[in-house]
Amino acid sequence: MNNDITVVQTLGVVVLGMGTVFAVLVLLWALIIAESKILEAMENNKKAAKAPTTATPAPSAPVAKPAPTAKGSCGGVMLHDVPDRTAAMIMAIVADELKTPLNELRFISIKEVK
């Protein structure tokens, strides 16, 4: 019994193995593309179903837009008999004591207690 494999047979096995691997990769690629298309279509159907079918009437009175805030700020603060400089120092001291960045704190109002 001679179990020697020739070079041609070895190349045939290599080509068959590599071909199988690439065929499976192409199949997986096609399945991923098909799944993404299906999910995209389902998402578009959800959006279309949520969209109102009738036009909403315009508001009768114009709505005032709030003043733009600085990036990272949490809105305005109401000052009651406190100068701006004093309020700024109070906010800075509170932020320092809490070891929290000032833009993560929200001050609603500052009032001097007499």
PDB file of N, CA and C in Angstrom:
ATOM      1  N   MET A   1       0.820  -1.174   0.000  1.00  0.00           N
ATOM      2  CA  MET A   1       0.000   0.000   0.000  1.00  0.00           C
ATOM      3  C   MET A   1       0.868   1.242   0.000  1.00  0.00           C
ATOM      4  N   ASN A   2       0.604   2.026  -0.961  1.00  0.00           N
ATOM      5  CA  ASN A   2       1.332   3.259  -1.105  1.00  0.00           C
ATOM      6  C   ASN A   2       0.375   4.407  -0.798  1.00  0.00           C
ATOM      7  N   ASN A   3       0.602   5.129   0.312  1.00  0.00           N
ATOM      8  CA  ASN A   3      -0.284   6.219   0.743  1.00  0.00           C
ATOM      9  C   ASN A   3       0.285   7.584   0.399  1.00  0.00           C
ATOM     10  N   ASP A   4       1.147   7.666  -0.516  1.00  0.00           N
ATOM     11  CA  ASP A   4       1.722   8.945  -0.899  1.00  0.00           C
ATOM     12  C   ASP A   4       0.704   9.765  -1.679  1.00  0.00           C
ATOM     13  N   ILE A   5       0.640  11.062  -1.337  1.00  0.00           N
ATOM     14  CA  ILE A   5      -0.260  11.976  -2.033  1.00  0.00           C
ATOM     15  C   ILE A   5       0.588  12.815  -2.977  1.00  0.00           C
ATOM     16  N   THR A   6       0.138  12.933  -4.208  1.00  0.00           N
ATOM     17  CA  THR A   6       0.897  13.692  -5.195  1.00  0.00           C
ATOM     18  C   THR A   6       0.670  15.188  -4.979  1.00  0.00           C
ATOM     19  N   VAL A   7       1.491  15.984  -5.618  1.00  0.00           N
ATOM     20  CA  VAL A   7       1.394  17.439  -5.537  1.00  0.00           C
ATOM     21  C   VAL A   7       0.068  17.914  -6.127  1.00  0.00           C
ATOM     22  N   VAL A   8      -0.384  17.306  -7.172  1.00  0.00           N
ATOM     23  CA  VAL A   8      -1.638  17.687  -7.823  1.00  0.00           C
ATOM     24  C   VAL A   8      -2.809  17.437  -6.875  1.00  0.00           C
ATOM     25  N   GLN A   9      -2.779  16.295  -6.204  1.00  0.00           N
ATOM     26  CA  GLN A   9      -3.852  15.993  -5.252  1.00  0.00           C
ATOM     27  C   GLN A   9      -3.834  16.972  -4.076  1.00  0.00           C
ATOM     28  N   THR A  10      -2.669  17.338  -3.613  1.00  0.00           N
ATOM     29  CA  THR A  10      -2.532  18.300  -2.510  1.00  0.00           C
ATOM     30  C   THR A  10      -3.092  19.650  -2.924  1.00  0.00           C
ATOM     31  N   LEU A  11      -2.752  20.096  -4.125  1.00  0.00           N
ATOM     32  CA  LEU A  11      -3.276  21.376  -4.618  1.00  0.00           C
ATOM     33  C   LEU A  11      -4.792  21.320  -4.761  1.00  0.00           C
ATOM     34  N   GLY A  12      -5.302  20.177  -5.189  1.00  0.00           N
ATOM     35  CA  GLY A  12      -6.754  20.016  -5.316  1.00  0.00           C
ATOM     36  C   GLY A  12      -7.448  20.138  -3.969  1.00  0.00           C
ATOM     37  N   VAL A  13      -6.870  19.534  -2.927  1.00  0.00           N
ATOM     38  CA  VAL A  13      -7.449  19.625  -1.581  1.00  0.00           C
ATOM     39  C   VAL A  13      -7.386  21.066  -1.075  1.00  0.00           C
ATOM     40  N   VAL A  14      -6.275  21.755  -1.315  1.00  0.00           N
ATOM     41  CA  VAL A  14      -6.116  23.148  -0.885  1.00  0.00           C
ATOM     42  C   VAL A  14      -7.146  24.037  -1.577  1.00  0.00           C
ATOM     43  N   VAL A  15      -7.302  23.881  -2.890  1.00  0.00           N
ATOM     44  CA  VAL A  15      -8.260  24.689  -3.650  1.00  0.00           C
ATOM     45  C   VAL A  15      -9.685  24.406  -3.181  1.00  0.00           C
ATOM     46  N   LEU A  16     -10.009  23.153  -2.949  1.00  0.00           N
ATOM     47  CA  LEU A  16     -11.343  22.783  -2.475  1.00  0.00           C
ATOM     48  C   LEU A  16     -11.611  23.382  -1.090  1.00  0.00           C
ATOM     49  N   GLY A  17     -10.641  23.318  -0.186  1.00  0.00           N
ATOM     50  CA  GLY A  17     -10.795  23.882   1.159  1.00  0.00           C
ATOM     51  C   GLY A  17     -10.962  25.389   1.133  1.00  0.00           C
ATOM     52  N   MET A  18     -10.105  26.064   0.356  1.00  0.00           N
ATOM     53  CA  MET A  18     -10.198  27.520   0.263  1.00  0.00           C
ATOM     54  C   MET A  18     -11.494  27.937  -0.416  1.00  0.00           C
ATOM     55  N   GLY A  19     -11.902  27.190  -1.417  1.00  0.00           N
ATOM     56  CA  GLY A  19     -13.164  27.496  -2.091  1.00  0.00           C
ATOM     57  C   GLY A  19     -14.347  27.368  -1.149  1.00  0.00           C
ATOM     58  N   THR A  20     -14.310  26.351  -0.293  1.00  0.00           N
ATOM     59  CA  THR A  20     -15.391  26.172   0.685  1.00  0.00           C
ATOM     60  C   THR A  20     -15.425  27.342   1.667  1.00  0.00           C
ATOM     61  N   VAL A  21     -14.276  27.747   2.153  1.00  0.00           N
ATOM     62  CA  VAL A  21     -14.205  28.873   3.099  1.00  0.00           C
ATOM     63  C   VAL A  21     -14.747  30.145   2.450  1.00  0.00           C
ATOM     64  N   PHE A  22     -14.311  30.442   1.243  1.00  0.00           N
ATOM     65  CA  PHE A  22     -14.781  31.655   0.573  1.00  0.00           C
ATOM     66  C   PHE A  22     -16.270  31.579   0.246  1.00  0.00           C
ATOM     67  N   ALA A  23     -16.763  30.410  -0.123  1.00  0.00           N
ATOM     68  CA  ALA A  23     -18.195  30.266  -0.400  1.00  0.00           C
ATOM     69  C   ALA A  23     -19.019  30.552   0.858  1.00  0.00           C
ATOM     70  N   VAL A  24     -18.571  30.063   2.010  1.00  0.00           N
ATOM     71  CA  VAL A  24     -19.282  30.316   3.264  1.00  0.00           C
ATOM     72  C   VAL A  24     -19.197  31.803   3.624  1.00  0.00           C
ATOM     73  N   LEU A  25     -18.058  32.430   3.400  1.00  0.00           N
ATOM     74  CA  LEU A  25     -17.929  33.866   3.683  1.00  0.00           C
ATOM     75  C   LEU A  25     -18.872  34.688   2.812  1.00  0.00           C
ATOM     76  N   VAL A  26     -18.974  34.340   1.537  1.00  0.00           N
ATOM     77  CA  VAL A  26     -19.883  35.050   0.634  1.00  0.00           C
ATOM     78  C   VAL A  26     -21.328  34.842   1.079  1.00  0.00           C
ATOM     79  N   LEU A  27     -21.667  33.637   1.509  1.00  0.00           N
ATOM     80  CA  LEU A  27     -23.013  33.351   2.000  1.00  0.00           C
ATOM     81  C   LEU A  27     -23.323  34.190   3.244  1.00  0.00           C
ATOM     82  N   LEU A  28     -22.387  34.275   4.181  1.00  0.00           N
ATOM     83  CA  LEU A  28     -22.588  35.097   5.377  1.00  0.00           C
ATOM     84  C   LEU A  28     -22.743  36.569   5.015  1.00  0.00           C
ATOM     85  N   TRP A  29     -21.929  37.030   4.077  1.00  0.00           N
ATOM     86  CA  TRP A  29     -22.022  38.421   3.630  1.00  0.00           C
ATOM     87  C   TRP A  29     -23.408  38.707   3.051  1.00  0.00           C
ATOM     88  N   ALA A  30     -23.906  37.787   2.231  1.00  0.00           N
ATOM     89  CA  ALA A  30     -25.229  37.963   1.622  1.00  0.00           C
ATOM     90  C   ALA A  30     -26.325  37.958   2.694  1.00  0.00           C
ATOM     91  N   LEU A  31     -26.202  37.097   3.695  1.00  0.00           N
ATOM     92  CA  LEU A  31     -27.187  37.069   4.768  1.00  0.00           C
ATOM     93  C   LEU A  31     -27.184  38.360   5.583  1.00  0.00           C
ATOM     94  N   ILE A  32     -26.018  38.899   5.841  1.00  0.00           N
ATOM     95  CA  ILE A  32     -25.921  40.164   6.589  1.00  0.00           C
ATOM     96  C   ILE A  32     -26.543  41.300   5.806  1.00  0.00           C
ATOM     97  N   ILE A  33     -26.266  41.377   4.515  1.00  0.00           N
ATOM     98  CA  ILE A  33     -26.848  42.425   3.668  1.00  0.00           C
ATOM     99  C   ILE A  33     -28.370  42.285   3.639  1.00  0.00           C
ATOM    100  N   ALA A  34     -28.877  41.060   3.466  1.00  0.00           N
ATOM    101  CA  ALA A  34     -30.325  40.841   3.417  1.00  0.00           C
ATOM    102  C   ALA A  34     -30.973  41.220   4.740  1.00  0.00           C
ATOM    103  N   GLU A  35     -30.346  40.866   5.844  1.00  0.00           N
ATOM    104  CA  GLU A  35     -30.900  41.195   7.158  1.00  0.00           C
ATOM    105  C   GLU A  35     -30.927  42.704   7.386  1.00  0.00           C
ATOM    106  N   SER A  36     -29.877  43.403   6.965  1.00  0.00           N
ATOM    107  CA  SER A  36     -29.865  44.853   7.152  1.00  0.00           C
ATOM    108  C   SER A  36     -30.947  45.522   6.305  1.00  0.00           C
ATOM    109  N   LYS A  37     -31.181  45.022   5.103  1.00  0.00           N
ATOM    110  CA  LYS A  37     -32.254  45.573   4.260  1.00  0.00           C
ATOM    111  C   LYS A  37     -33.619  45.334   4.897  1.00  0.00           C
ATOM    112  N   ILE A  38     -33.831  44.138   5.448  1.00  0.00           N
ATOM    113  CA  ILE A  38     -35.112  43.819   6.090  1.00  0.00           C
ATOM    114  C   ILE A  38     -35.329  44.711   7.306  1.00  0.00           C
ATOM    115  N   LEU A  39     -34.301  44.860   8.140  1.00  0.00           N
ATOM    116  CA  LEU A  39     -34.431  45.710   9.328  1.00  0.00           C
ATOM    117  C   LEU A  39     -34.653  47.170   8.956  1.00  0.00           C
ATOM    118  N   GLU A  40     -33.995  47.628   7.902  1.00  0.00           N
ATOM    119  CA  GLU A  40     -34.181  49.008   7.432  1.00  0.00           C
ATOM    120  C   GLU A  40     -35.613  49.219   6.953  1.00  0.00           C
ATOM    121  N   ALA A  41     -36.155  48.251   6.232  1.00  0.00           N
ATOM    122  CA  ALA A  41     -37.535  48.357   5.759  1.00  0.00           C
ATOM    123  C   ALA A  41     -38.513  48.352   6.924  1.00  0.00           C
ATOM    124  N   MET A  42     -38.252  47.522   7.936  1.00  0.00           N
ATOM    125  CA  MET A  42     -39.121  47.496   9.110  1.00  0.00           C
ATOM    126  C   MET A  42     -39.071  48.822   9.863  1.00  0.00           C
ATOM    127  N   GLU A  43     -37.890  49.422   9.974  1.00  0.00           N
ATOM    128  CA  GLU A  43     -37.738  50.713  10.653  1.00  0.00           C
ATOM    129  C   GLU A  43     -38.479  51.809   9.882  1.00  0.00           C
ATOM    130  N   ASN A  44     -38.389  51.790   8.557  1.00  0.00           N
ATOM    131  CA  ASN A  44     -39.107  52.779   7.752  1.00  0.00           C
ATOM    132  C   ASN A  44     -40.611  52.614   7.906  1.00  0.00           C
ATOM    133  N   ASN A  45     -41.083  51.372   8.009  1.00  0.00           N
ATOM    134  CA  ASN A  45     -42.515  51.139   8.207  1.00  0.00           C
ATOM    135  C   ASN A  45     -42.966  51.660   9.561  1.00  0.00           C
ATOM    136  N   LYS A  46     -42.141  51.496  10.595  1.00  0.00           N
ATOM    137  CA  LYS A  46     -42.487  52.016  11.921  1.00  0.00           C
ATOM    138  C   LYS A  46     -42.567  53.538  11.895  1.00  0.00           C
ATOM    139  N   LYS A  47     -41.608  54.168  11.233  1.00  0.00           N
ATOM    140  CA  LYS A  47     -41.612  55.627  11.152  1.00  0.00           C
ATOM    141  C   LYS A  47     -42.838  56.121  10.395  1.00  0.00           C
ATOM    142  N   ALA A  48     -43.197  55.432   9.314  1.00  0.00           N
ATOM    143  CA  ALA A  48     -44.360  55.834   8.525  1.00  0.00           C
ATOM    144  C   ALA A  48     -45.639  55.648   9.332  1.00  0.00           C
ATOM    145  N   ALA A  49     -45.710  54.621  10.149  1.00  0.00           N
ATOM    146  CA  ALA A  49     -46.900  54.378  10.959  1.00  0.00           C
ATOM    147  C   ALA A  49     -47.032  55.409  12.075  1.00  0.00           C
ATOM    148  N   LYS A  50     -45.912  55.883  12.611  1.00  0.00           N
ATOM    149  CA  LYS A  50     -45.949  56.865  13.691  1.00  0.00           C
ATOM    150  C   LYS A  50     -46.237  58.272  13.188  1.00  0.00           C
ATOM    151  N   ALA A  51     -45.948  58.553  11.930  1.00  0.00           N
ATOM    152  CA  ALA A  51     -46.167  59.888  11.382  1.00  0.00           C
ATOM    153  C   ALA A  51     -47.663  60.174  11.329  1.00  0.00           C
ATOM    154  N   PRO A  52     -48.078  61.364  11.751  1.00  0.00           N
ATOM    155  CA  PRO A  52     -49.506  61.685  11.715  1.00  0.00           C
ATOM    156  C   PRO A  52     -49.997  61.795  10.270  1.00  0.00           C
ATOM    157  N   THR A  53     -51.209  61.310  10.047  1.00  0.00           N
ATOM    158  CA  THR A  53     -51.756  61.341   8.689  1.00  0.00           C
ATOM    159  C   THR A  53     -52.396  62.684   8.378  1.00  0.00           C
ATOM    160  N   THR A  54     -52.851  63.407   9.397  1.00  0.00           N
ATOM    161  CA  THR A  54     -53.439  64.725   9.169  1.00  0.00           C
ATOM    162  C   THR A  54     -52.443  65.787   9.589  1.00  0.00           C
ATOM    163  N   ALA A  55     -52.528  66.899   8.933  1.00  0.00           N
ATOM    164  CA  ALA A  55     -51.629  67.999   9.260  1.00  0.00           C
ATOM    165  C   ALA A  55     -52.070  68.619  10.579  1.00  0.00           C
ATOM    166  N   THR A  56     -51.114  68.897  11.437  1.00  0.00           N
ATOM    167  CA  THR A  56     -51.441  69.523  12.712  1.00  0.00           C
ATOM    168  C   THR A  56     -51.595  71.024  12.490  1.00  0.00           C
ATOM    169  N   PRO A  57     -52.599  71.639  13.123  1.00  0.00           N
ATOM    170  CA  PRO A  57     -52.782  73.074  12.936  1.00  0.00           C
ATOM    171  C   PRO A  57     -51.653  73.852  13.592  1.00  0.00           C
ATOM    172  N   ALA A  58     -51.348  74.986  13.017  1.00  0.00           N
ATOM    173  CA  ALA A  58     -50.304  75.841  13.554  1.00  0.00           C
ATOM    174  C   ALA A  58     -50.792  76.451  14.859  1.00  0.00           C
ATOM    175  N   PRO A  59     -49.916  76.664  15.818  1.00  0.00           N
ATOM    176  CA  PRO A  59     -50.352  77.281  17.072  1.00  0.00           C
ATOM    177  C   PRO A  59     -50.840  78.699  16.824  1.00  0.00           C
ATOM    178  N   SER A  60     -51.890  79.086  17.557  1.00  0.00           N
ATOM    179  CA  SER A  60     -52.484  80.395  17.324  1.00  0.00           C
ATOM    180  C   SER A  60     -51.578  81.514  17.802  1.00  0.00           C
ATOM    181  N   ALA A  61     -50.904  81.317  18.925  1.00  0.00           N
ATOM    182  CA  ALA A  61     -50.000  82.344  19.437  1.00  0.00           C
ATOM    183  C   ALA A  61     -48.567  81.869  19.239  1.00  0.00           C
ATOM    184  N   PRO A  62     -47.685  82.773  18.841  1.00  0.00           N
ATOM    185  CA  PRO A  62     -46.300  82.357  18.659  1.00  0.00           C
ATOM    186  C   PRO A  62     -45.682  81.958  20.004  1.00  0.00           C
ATOM    187  N   VAL A  63     -44.904  80.894  19.970  1.00  0.00           N
ATOM    188  CA  VAL A  63     -44.263  80.404  21.179  1.00  0.00           C
ATOM    189  C   VAL A  63     -42.880  81.038  21.268  1.00  0.00           C
ATOM    190  N   ALA A  64     -42.583  81.629  22.418  1.00  0.00           N
ATOM    191  CA  ALA A  64     -41.289  82.278  22.605  1.00  0.00           C
ATOM    192  C   ALA A  64     -40.219  81.228  22.833  1.00  0.00           C
ATOM    193  N   LYS A  65     -39.137  81.336  22.097  1.00  0.00           N
ATOM    194  CA  LYS A  65     -38.024  80.416  22.271  1.00  0.00           C
ATOM    195  C   LYS A  65     -37.197  80.868  23.465  1.00  0.00           C
ATOM    196  N   PRO A  66     -36.720  79.915  24.272  1.00  0.00           N
ATOM    197  CA  PRO A  66     -35.860  80.326  25.377  1.00  0.00           C
ATOM    198  C   PRO A  66     -34.532  80.830  24.842  1.00  0.00           C
ATOM    199  N   ALA A  67     -33.914  81.690  25.615  1.00  0.00           N
ATOM    200  CA  ALA A  67     -32.629  82.245  25.200  1.00  0.00           C
ATOM    201  C   ALA A  67     -31.610  81.116  25.109  1.00  0.00           C
ATOM    202  N   PRO A  68     -30.752  81.155  24.101  1.00  0.00           N
ATOM    203  CA  PRO A  68     -29.758  80.087  23.976  1.00  0.00           C
ATOM    204  C   PRO A  68     -28.820  80.087  25.174  1.00  0.00           C
ATOM    205  N   THR A  69     -28.490  78.892  25.644  1.00  0.00           N
ATOM    206  CA  THR A  69     -27.590  78.772  26.780  1.00  0.00           C
ATOM    207  C   THR A  69     -26.210  78.376  26.293  1.00  0.00           C
ATOM    208  N   ALA A  70     -25.238  78.600  27.145  1.00  0.00           N
ATOM    209  CA  ALA A  70     -23.868  78.241  26.802  1.00  0.00           C
ATOM    210  C   ALA A  70     -23.739  76.730  26.737  1.00  0.00           C
ATOM    211  N   LYS A  71     -22.793  76.254  25.978  1.00  0.00           N
ATOM    212  CA  LYS A  71     -22.593  74.817  25.818  1.00  0.00           C
ATOM    213  C   LYS A  71     -22.283  74.196  27.180  1.00  0.00           C
ATOM    214  N   GLY A  72     -23.065  73.182  27.538  1.00  0.00           N
ATOM    215  CA  GLY A  72     -22.848  72.495  28.798  1.00  0.00           C
ATOM    216  C   GLY A  72     -23.565  73.117  29.974  1.00  0.00           C
ATOM    217  N   SER A  73     -24.234  74.258  29.794  1.00  0.00           N
ATOM    218  CA  SER A  73     -24.933  74.868  30.922  1.00  0.00           C
ATOM    219  C   SER A  73     -26.318  74.266  31.072  1.00  0.00           C
ATOM    220  N   CYS A  74     -26.909  74.445  32.244  1.00  0.00           N
ATOM    221  CA  CYS A  74     -28.207  73.852  32.549  1.00  0.00           C
ATOM    222  C   CYS A  74     -29.296  74.905  32.608  1.00  0.00           C
ATOM    223  N   GLY A  75     -29.161  76.015  31.937  1.00  0.00           N
ATOM    224  CA  GLY A  75     -30.204  77.027  31.916  1.00  0.00           C
ATOM    225  C   GLY A  75     -29.857  78.227  32.775  1.00  0.00           C
ATOM    226  N   GLY A  76     -30.858  79.083  32.972  1.00  0.00           N
ATOM    227  CA  GLY A  76     -30.651  80.327  33.700  1.00  0.00           C
ATOM    228  C   GLY A  76     -30.876  80.173  35.184  1.00  0.00           C
ATOM    229  N   VAL A  77     -30.510  81.223  35.915  1.00  0.00           N
ATOM    230  CA  VAL A  77     -30.693  81.267  37.360  1.00  0.00           C
ATOM    231  C   VAL A  77     -31.350  82.606  37.705  1.00  0.00           C
ATOM    232  N   MET A  78     -32.313  82.564  38.624  1.00  0.00           N
ATOM    233  CA  MET A  78     -32.986  83.793  39.048  1.00  0.00           C
ATOM    234  C   MET A  78     -32.233  84.385  40.232  1.00  0.00           C
ATOM    235  N   LEU A  79     -31.869  85.647  40.127  1.00  0.00           N
ATOM    236  CA  LEU A  79     -31.137  86.328  41.191  1.00  0.00           C
ATOM    237  C   LEU A  79     -32.091  87.279  41.911  1.00  0.00           C
ATOM    238  N   HIS A  80     -32.162  87.164  43.243  1.00  0.00           N
ATOM    239  CA  HIS A  80     -33.035  88.018  44.049  1.00  0.00           C
ATOM    240  C   HIS A  80     -32.154  88.890  44.934  1.00  0.00           C
ATOM    241  N   ASP A  81     -31.994  90.142  44.556  1.00  0.00           N
ATOM    242  CA  ASP A  81     -31.187  91.123  45.298  1.00  0.00           C
ATOM    243  C   ASP A  81     -29.751  90.660  45.501  1.00  0.00           C
ATOM    244  N   VAL A  82     -29.183  90.001  44.520  1.00  0.00           N
ATOM    245  CA  VAL A  82     -27.793  89.542  44.572  1.00  0.00           C
ATOM    246  C   VAL A  82     -27.111  90.005  43.290  1.00  0.00           C
ATOM    247  N   PRO A  83     -25.965  90.687  43.403  1.00  0.00           N
ATOM    248  CA  PRO A  83     -25.250  91.113  42.195  1.00  0.00           C
ATOM    249  C   PRO A  83     -24.714  89.900  41.416  1.00  0.00           C
ATOM    250  N   ASP A  84     -24.519  90.076  40.133  1.00  0.00           N
ATOM    251  CA  ASP A  84     -24.027  88.993  39.278  1.00  0.00           C
ATOM    252  C   ASP A  84     -22.693  88.441  39.768  1.00  0.00           C
ATOM    253  N   ARG A  85     -21.804  89.333  40.164  1.00  0.00           N
ATOM    254  CA  ARG A  85     -20.474  88.907  40.617  1.00  0.00           C
ATOM    255  C   ARG A  85     -20.577  88.013  41.848  1.00  0.00           C
ATOM    256  N   THR A  86     -21.411  88.392  42.800  1.00  0.00           N
ATOM    257  CA  THR A  86     -21.587  87.594  44.015  1.00  0.00           C
ATOM    258  C   THR A  86     -22.189  86.233  43.688  1.00  0.00           C
ATOM    259  N   ALA A  87     -23.183  86.211  42.800  1.00  0.00           N
ATOM    260  CA  ALA A  87     -23.815  84.955  42.405  1.00  0.00           C
ATOM    261  C   ALA A  87     -22.794  84.032  41.732  1.00  0.00           C
ATOM    262  N   ALA A  88     -21.944  84.597  40.898  1.00  0.00           N
ATOM    263  CA  ALA A  88     -20.925  83.797  40.227  1.00  0.00           C
ATOM    264  C   ALA A  88     -19.947  83.203  41.231  1.00  0.00           C
ATOM    265  N   MET A  89     -19.577  83.977  42.236  1.00  0.00           N
ATOM    266  CA  MET A  89     -18.651  83.477  43.254  1.00  0.00           C
ATOM    267  C   MET A  89     -19.309  82.377  44.087  1.00  0.00           C
ATOM    268  N   ILE A  90     -20.578  82.543  44.425  1.00  0.00           N
ATOM    269  CA  ILE A  90     -21.299  81.522  45.189  1.00  0.00           C
ATOM    270  C   ILE A  90     -21.358  80.219  44.394  1.00  0.00           C
ATOM    271  N   MET A  91     -21.690  80.322  43.111  1.00  0.00           N
ATOM    272  CA  MET A  91     -21.773  79.121  42.280  1.00  0.00           C
ATOM    273  C   MET A  91     -20.411  78.438  42.167  1.00  0.00           C
ATOM    274  N   ALA A  92     -19.340  79.217  42.031  1.00  0.00           N
ATOM    275  CA  ALA A  92     -18.000  78.646  41.930  1.00  0.00           C
ATOM    276  C   ALA A  92     -17.595  77.956  43.226  1.00  0.00           C
ATOM    277  N   ILE A  93     -17.927  78.567  44.371  1.00  0.00           N
ATOM    278  CA  ILE A  93     -17.584  77.971  45.666  1.00  0.00           C
ATOM    279  C   ILE A  93     -18.347  76.666  45.873  1.00  0.00           C
ATOM    280  N   VAL A  94     -19.639  76.654  45.545  1.00  0.00           N
ATOM    281  CA  VAL A  94     -20.436  75.433  45.689  1.00  0.00           C
ATOM    282  C   VAL A  94     -19.867  74.324  44.811  1.00  0.00           C
ATOM    283  N   ALA A  95     -19.528  74.642  43.572  1.00  0.00           N
ATOM    284  CA  ALA A  95     -18.974  73.635  42.661  1.00  0.00           C
ATOM    285  C   ALA A  95     -17.650  73.098  43.193  1.00  0.00           C
ATOM    286  N   ASP A  96     -16.832  73.983  43.765  1.00  0.00           N
ATOM    287  CA  ASP A  96     -15.546  73.560  44.306  1.00  0.00           C
ATOM    288  C   ASP A  96     -15.736  72.667  45.525  1.00  0.00           C
ATOM    289  N   GLU A  97     -16.644  73.035  46.414  1.00  0.00           N
ATOM    290  CA  GLU A  97     -16.890  72.229  47.620  1.00  0.00           C
ATOM    291  C   GLU A  97     -17.462  70.858  47.268  1.00  0.00           C
ATOM    292  N   LEU A  98     -18.317  70.795  46.246  1.00  0.00           N
ATOM    293  CA  LEU A  98     -18.908  69.523  45.840  1.00  0.00           C
ATOM    294  C   LEU A  98     -17.978  68.718  44.941  1.00  0.00           C
ATOM    295  N   LYS A  99     -16.879  69.332  44.520  1.00  0.00           N
ATOM    296  CA  LYS A  99     -15.927  68.694  43.590  1.00  0.00           C
ATOM    297  C   LYS A  99     -16.650  68.219  42.327  1.00  0.00           C
ATOM    298  N   THR A 100     -17.511  69.098  41.817  1.00  0.00           N
ATOM    299  CA  THR A 100     -18.313  68.818  40.635  1.00  0.00           C
ATOM    300  C   THR A 100     -18.110  69.954  39.641  1.00  0.00           C
ATOM    301  N   PRO A 101     -17.982  69.661  38.352  1.00  0.00           N
ATOM    302  CA  PRO A 101     -17.869  70.741  37.369  1.00  0.00           C
ATOM    303  C   PRO A 101     -19.106  71.642  37.410  1.00  0.00           C
ATOM    304  N   LEU A 102     -18.882  72.923  37.229  1.00  0.00           N
ATOM    305  CA  LEU A 102     -19.966  73.902  37.318  1.00  0.00           C
ATOM    306  C   LEU A 102     -21.067  73.639  36.299  1.00  0.00           C
ATOM    307  N   ASN A 103     -20.699  73.123  35.117  1.00  0.00           N
ATOM    308  CA  ASN A 103     -21.714  72.887  34.083  1.00  0.00           C
ATOM    309  C   ASN A 103     -22.582  71.666  34.375  1.00  0.00           C
ATOM    310  N   GLU A 104     -22.266  70.901  35.427  1.00  0.00           N
ATOM    311  CA  GLU A 104     -23.102  69.768  35.810  1.00  0.00           C
ATOM    312  C   GLU A 104     -24.065  70.123  36.941  1.00  0.00           C
ATOM    313  N   LEU A 105     -23.953  71.332  37.479  1.00  0.00           N
ATOM    314  CA  LEU A 105     -24.840  71.785  38.544  1.00  0.00           C
ATOM    315  C   LEU A 105     -25.939  72.659  37.956  1.00  0.00           C
ATOM    316  N   ARG A 106     -27.091  72.655  38.610  1.00  0.00           N
ATOM    317  CA  ARG A 106     -28.188  73.507  38.147  1.00  0.00           C
ATOM    318  C   ARG A 106     -28.639  74.375  39.302  1.00  0.00           C
ATOM    319  N   PHE A 107     -28.439  75.654  39.158  1.00  0.00           N
ATOM    320  CA  PHE A 107     -28.873  76.633  40.146  1.00  0.00           C
ATOM    321  C   PHE A 107     -30.181  77.225  39.655  1.00  0.00           C
ATOM    322  N   ILE A 108     -31.213  77.151  40.497  1.00  0.00           N
ATOM    323  CA  ILE A 108     -32.527  77.670  40.104  1.00  0.00           C
ATOM    324  C   ILE A 108     -32.644  79.136  40.500  1.00  0.00           C
ATOM    325  N   SER A 109     -32.301  79.448  41.734  1.00  0.00           N
ATOM    326  CA  SER A 109     -32.351  80.840  42.174  1.00  0.00           C
ATOM    327  C   SER A 109     -31.350  81.052  43.302  1.00  0.00           C
ATOM    328  N   ILE A 110     -30.912  82.288  43.439  1.00  0.00           N
ATOM    329  CA  ILE A 110     -30.007  82.675  44.520  1.00  0.00           C
ATOM    330  C   ILE A 110     -30.611  83.912  45.173  1.00  0.00           C
ATOM    331  N   LYS A 111     -30.830  83.801  46.480  1.00  0.00           N
ATOM    332  CA  LYS A 111     -31.444  84.901  47.225  1.00  0.00           C
ATOM    333  C   LYS A 111     -30.633  85.166  48.487  1.00  0.00           C
ATOM    334  N   GLU A 112     -30.410  86.431  48.774  1.00  0.00           N
ATOM    335  CA  GLU A 112     -29.671  86.793  49.988  1.00  0.00           C
ATOM    336  C   GLU A 112     -30.616  86.692  51.180  1.00  0.00           C
ATOM    337  N   VAL A 113     -30.145  85.987  52.203  1.00  0.00           N
ATOM    338  CA  VAL A 113     -30.932  85.877  53.435  1.00  0.00           C
ATOM    339  C   VAL A 113     -30.407  86.919  54.404  1.00  0.00           C
ATOM    340  N   LYS A 114     -31.287  87.816  54.857  1.00  0.00           N
ATOM    341  CA  LYS A 114     -30.852  88.922  55.734  1.00  0.00           C
ATOM    342  C   LYS A 114     -31.213  88.647  57.161  1.00  0.00           C
TER     343      LYS A 114
END
